[in-house]
Amino acid sequence: MKIERIQTGVRMEKRLVKVMKATAEYLDLSLGDFLEGVVLHAMDGKPSPFTDGTLAKIAALKKVYNLDLDASHSHKLHE
């Protein structure tokens, strides 16, 4: 499907971005493609787009980057 992409300037938690970049690399995706897929799944109310193997890899990457955040922290983070 032909689409138009734009550049965004979003601020996100540093360790979360590191895990997202590493996961995208693991899946051989650009960070933008990774984020589009995750957001489209979430907006459609679909289950996780990740296989059990990918979820295990994400868990390992969260340990590597000391990411101790989860969904319960959503909308509660401040600098």
C-alpha atoms as a PDB file:
ATOM      1  CA  MET A   1       0.000   0.000   0.000  1.00  0.00           C
ATOM      2  CA  LYS A   2       1.404   3.381  -0.977  1.00  0.00           C
ATOM      3  CA  ILE A   3       1.643   5.806   1.935  1.00  0.00           C
ATOM      4  CA  GLU A   4       3.296   9.094   2.824  1.00  0.00           C
ATOM      5  CA  ARG A   5       5.686   9.119   5.767  1.00  0.00           C
ATOM      6  CA  ILE A   6       6.699  12.182   7.750  1.00  0.00           C
ATOM      7  CA  GLN A   7       9.549  12.841  10.154  1.00  0.00           C
ATOM      8  CA  THR A   8       8.538  13.111  13.807  1.00  0.00           C
ATOM      9  CA  GLY A   9      10.296  14.558  16.791  1.00  0.00           C
ATOM     10  CA  VAL A  10       9.106  12.612  19.802  1.00  0.00           C
ATOM     11  CA  ARG A  11      10.756  12.347  23.208  1.00  0.00           C
ATOM     12  CA  MET A  12      10.772   8.935  24.881  1.00  0.00           C
ATOM     13  CA  GLU A  13      12.447   7.260  27.832  1.00  0.00           C
ATOM     14  CA  LYS A  14      16.046   6.492  26.867  1.00  0.00           C
ATOM     15  CA  ARG A  15      16.187   2.819  27.912  1.00  0.00           C
ATOM     16  CA  LEU A  16      12.852   2.117  26.214  1.00  0.00           C
ATOM     17  CA  VAL A  17      14.188   3.515  22.934  1.00  0.00           C
ATOM     18  CA  LYS A  18      17.293   1.333  23.238  1.00  0.00           C
ATOM     19  CA  VAL A  19      15.150  -1.787  23.698  1.00  0.00           C
ATOM     20  CA  MET A  20      12.888  -0.782  20.789  1.00  0.00           C
ATOM     21  CA  LYS A  21      15.869  -0.191  18.488  1.00  0.00           C
ATOM     22  CA  ALA A  22      17.460  -3.504  19.466  1.00  0.00           C
ATOM     23  CA  THR A  23      14.166  -5.357  18.994  1.00  0.00           C
ATOM     24  CA  ALA A  24      13.629  -3.746  15.589  1.00  0.00           C
ATOM     25  CA  GLU A  25      17.162  -4.781  14.609  1.00  0.00           C
ATOM     26  CA  TYR A  26      16.487  -8.333  15.858  1.00  0.00           C
ATOM     27  CA  LEU A  27      13.364  -8.430  13.656  1.00  0.00           C
ATOM     28  CA  ASP A  28      15.265  -6.875  10.717  1.00  0.00           C
ATOM     29  CA  LEU A  29      12.953  -3.842  10.698  1.00  0.00           C
ATOM     30  CA  SER A  30      13.561  -0.136  10.755  1.00  0.00           C
ATOM     31  CA  LEU A  31      12.543   1.548  13.991  1.00  0.00           C
ATOM     32  CA  GLY A  32       9.753   3.333  12.106  1.00  0.00           C
ATOM     33  CA  ASP A  33       8.350   0.073  10.684  1.00  0.00           C
ATOM     34  CA  PHE A  34       8.564  -1.503  14.135  1.00  0.00           C
ATOM     35  CA  LEU A  35       6.662   1.369  15.755  1.00  0.00           C
ATOM     36  CA  GLU A  36       4.039   1.457  13.002  1.00  0.00           C
ATOM     37  CA  GLY A  37       3.344  -2.242  13.502  1.00  0.00           C
ATOM     38  CA  VAL A  38       3.084  -1.998  17.285  1.00  0.00           C
ATOM     39  CA  VAL A  39       0.816   1.051  17.143  1.00  0.00           C
ATOM     40  CA  LEU A  40      -1.436  -0.403  14.419  1.00  0.00           C
ATOM     41  CA  HIS A  41      -1.886  -3.596  16.473  1.00  0.00           C
ATOM     42  CA  ALA A  42      -2.675  -1.573  19.603  1.00  0.00           C
ATOM     43  CA  MET A  43      -5.128   0.758  17.851  1.00  0.00           C
ATOM     44  CA  ASP A  44      -7.008  -2.220  16.416  1.00  0.00           C
ATOM     45  CA  GLY A  45      -7.187  -3.859  19.858  1.00  0.00           C
ATOM     46  CA  LYS A  46      -5.215  -6.822  18.526  1.00  0.00           C
ATOM     47  CA  PRO A  47      -3.161  -9.084  20.772  1.00  0.00           C
ATOM     48  CA  SER A  48       0.581  -8.593  20.972  1.00  0.00           C
ATOM     49  CA  PRO A  49       2.273  -8.604  17.574  1.00  0.00           C
ATOM     50  CA  PHE A  50       5.205 -10.511  19.092  1.00  0.00           C
ATOM     51  CA  THR A  51       5.823 -14.248  19.101  1.00  0.00           C
ATOM     52  CA  ASP A  52       6.860 -15.980  22.313  1.00  0.00           C
ATOM     53  CA  GLY A  53      10.420 -16.043  20.992  1.00  0.00           C
ATOM     54  CA  THR A  54      10.413 -12.301  20.346  1.00  0.00           C
ATOM     55  CA  LEU A  55       8.918 -11.625  23.782  1.00  0.00           C
ATOM     56  CA  ALA A  56      11.744 -13.667  25.319  1.00  0.00           C
ATOM     57  CA  LYS A  57      14.282 -11.620  23.342  1.00  0.00           C
ATOM     58  CA  ILE A  58      12.606  -8.383  24.510  1.00  0.00           C
ATOM     59  CA  ALA A  59      12.803  -9.596  28.124  1.00  0.00           C
ATOM     60  CA  ALA A  60      16.515 -10.270  27.680  1.00  0.00           C
ATOM     61  CA  LEU A  61      17.070  -6.851  26.088  1.00  0.00           C
ATOM     62  CA  LYS A  62      15.195  -5.172  28.948  1.00  0.00           C
ATOM     63  CA  LYS A  63      17.722  -6.763  31.326  1.00  0.00           C
ATOM     64  CA  VAL A  64      20.664  -5.648  29.182  1.00  0.00           C
ATOM     65  CA  TYR A  65      19.429  -2.047  29.183  1.00  0.00           C
ATOM     66  CA  ASN A  66      18.125  -2.118  32.781  1.00  0.00           C
ATOM     67  CA  LEU A  67      14.596  -1.294  31.625  1.00  0.00           C
ATOM     68  CA  ASP A  68      12.342  -1.841  34.624  1.00  0.00           C
ATOM     69  CA  LEU A  69       9.271  -0.148  33.144  1.00  0.00           C
ATOM     70  CA  ASP A  70       6.130  -1.960  32.039  1.00  0.00           C
ATOM     71  CA  ALA A  71       2.607  -1.054  30.906  1.00  0.00           C
ATOM     72  CA  SER A  72       1.611  -0.127  34.467  1.00  0.00           C
ATOM     73  CA  HIS A  73       3.993   2.849  34.242  1.00  0.00           C
ATOM     74  CA  SER A  74       2.214   4.250  31.171  1.00  0.00           C
ATOM     75  CA  HIS A  75       1.167   7.916  31.632  1.00  0.00           C
ATOM     76  CA  LYS A  76       2.912   8.039  35.033  1.00  0.00           C
ATOM     77  CA  LEU A  77       6.426   8.962  33.892  1.00  0.00           C
ATOM     78  CA  HIS A  78       7.847  12.425  34.412  1.00  0.00           C
ATOM     79  CA  GLU A  79      11.306  13.963  34.176  1.00  0.00           C
END
